[in-house]
Amino acid sequence: MVAVFDVIIRLVLVVATSSLFGIVFLAYWRLKNSKMLLIAIGFGSFVAYALFTLPEILSQPIVFDENFHLFLHIIALTFILAGILKD
């Protein structure tokens, strides 16, 4: 039962992150400015990372060590922060 609940939670979180990326990307597509592009790149990297680490999608999920995991999050958050702070 716990494994099924874990799969459902992970899939819901990936769908939520993907929909947020979709909204930001559509905003970039409409506005065509670099601020929205940076934010879309940040959320897109979160979505790509989530899809790569989902064992339900890939038969052999890609396993990252903790340092690389933190590095990917720092890169994504840096893009989002740069987009927010860009004038």
Protein backbone atom coordinates (compact mmCIF):
# COMPACT_ATOMS: atom_id res chain seq x y z
CA MET A 1 0.00 0.00 0.00
CA VAL A 2 2.83 2.39 0.80
CA ALA A 3 4.45 1.80 -2.59
CA VAL A 4 1.23 2.63 -4.45
CA PHE A 5 0.76 5.77 -2.38
CA ASP A 6 4.38 6.78 -3.07
CA VAL A 7 3.89 6.32 -6.82
CA ILE A 8 0.69 8.36 -6.81
CA ILE A 9 2.29 11.21 -4.84
CA ARG A 10 5.33 11.29 -7.13
CA LEU A 11 3.21 11.31 -10.27
CA VAL A 12 0.97 14.08 -8.89
CA LEU A 13 4.01 16.19 -8.07
CA VAL A 14 5.46 15.68 -11.56
CA VAL A 15 2.12 16.63 -13.15
CA ALA A 16 1.91 19.74 -10.94
CA THR A 17 5.47 20.80 -11.83
CA SER A 18 4.82 20.12 -15.52
CA SER A 19 1.64 22.18 -15.52
CA LEU A 20 3.45 25.05 -13.80
CA PHE A 21 6.18 24.82 -16.44
CA GLY A 22 3.49 24.84 -19.13
CA ILE A 23 1.92 27.99 -17.74
CA VAL A 24 5.28 29.78 -17.51
CA PHE A 25 6.29 28.62 -20.99
CA LEU A 26 3.01 29.84 -22.48
CA ALA A 27 3.60 33.20 -20.77
CA TYR A 28 7.07 33.32 -22.32
CA TRP A 29 5.66 32.36 -25.71
CA ARG A 30 3.22 35.25 -25.51
CA LEU A 31 5.58 37.89 -24.10
CA LYS A 32 8.88 36.80 -25.73
CA ASN A 33 11.13 38.45 -23.16
CA SER A 34 14.26 37.13 -21.50
CA LYS A 35 12.78 37.35 -18.01
CA MET A 36 10.14 34.72 -18.74
CA LEU A 37 12.69 32.66 -20.69
CA LEU A 38 14.95 32.37 -17.64
CA ILE A 39 12.04 31.38 -15.41
CA ALA A 40 10.86 28.83 -18.00
CA ILE A 41 14.35 27.32 -18.21
CA GLY A 42 14.42 26.96 -14.43
CA PHE A 43 11.05 25.21 -14.26
CA GLY A 44 11.91 23.15 -17.33
CA SER A 45 15.04 21.83 -15.64
CA PHE A 46 12.92 20.83 -12.63
CA VAL A 47 10.53 18.95 -14.93
CA ALA A 48 13.37 17.21 -16.79
CA TYR A 49 15.00 16.21 -13.51
CA ALA A 50 11.70 14.86 -12.18
CA LEU A 51 11.08 12.82 -15.32
CA PHE A 52 14.61 11.36 -15.32
CA THR A 53 14.33 10.18 -11.75
CA LEU A 54 10.84 8.65 -11.95
CA PRO A 55 11.20 4.87 -11.82
CA GLU A 56 7.63 4.47 -13.10
CA ILE A 57 8.53 5.96 -16.50
CA LEU A 58 11.98 4.46 -17.03
CA SER A 59 12.71 0.81 -16.39
CA GLN A 60 16.07 1.79 -14.92
CA PRO A 61 15.83 5.22 -13.29
CA ILE A 62 18.88 7.43 -13.39
CA VAL A 63 20.34 7.59 -9.90
CA PHE A 64 22.14 10.76 -8.85
CA ASP A 65 24.27 11.15 -5.76
CA GLU A 66 23.25 13.79 -3.24
CA ASN A 67 25.77 16.42 -4.43
CA PHE A 68 24.60 16.24 -8.04
CA HIS A 69 21.00 16.36 -6.86
CA LEU A 70 21.70 19.61 -4.97
CA PHE A 71 23.69 20.97 -7.91
CA LEU A 72 20.74 20.50 -10.30
CA HIS A 73 18.41 22.23 -7.86
CA ILE A 74 20.81 25.15 -7.45
CA ILE A 75 21.05 25.57 -11.22
CA ALA A 76 17.25 25.56 -11.62
CA LEU A 77 16.72 27.95 -8.73
CA THR A 78 19.44 30.25 -10.09
CA PHE A 79 17.63 30.50 -13.44
CA ILE A 80 14.34 31.23 -11.68
CA LEU A 81 15.96 33.84 -9.43
CA ALA A 82 17.74 35.48 -12.38
CA GLY A 83 14.43 35.68 -14.21
CA ILE A 84 12.69 37.20 -11.20
CA LEU A 85 15.42 39.79 -10.58
CA LYS A 86 15.90 40.72 -14.26
CA ASP A 87 14.50 44.12 -15.18
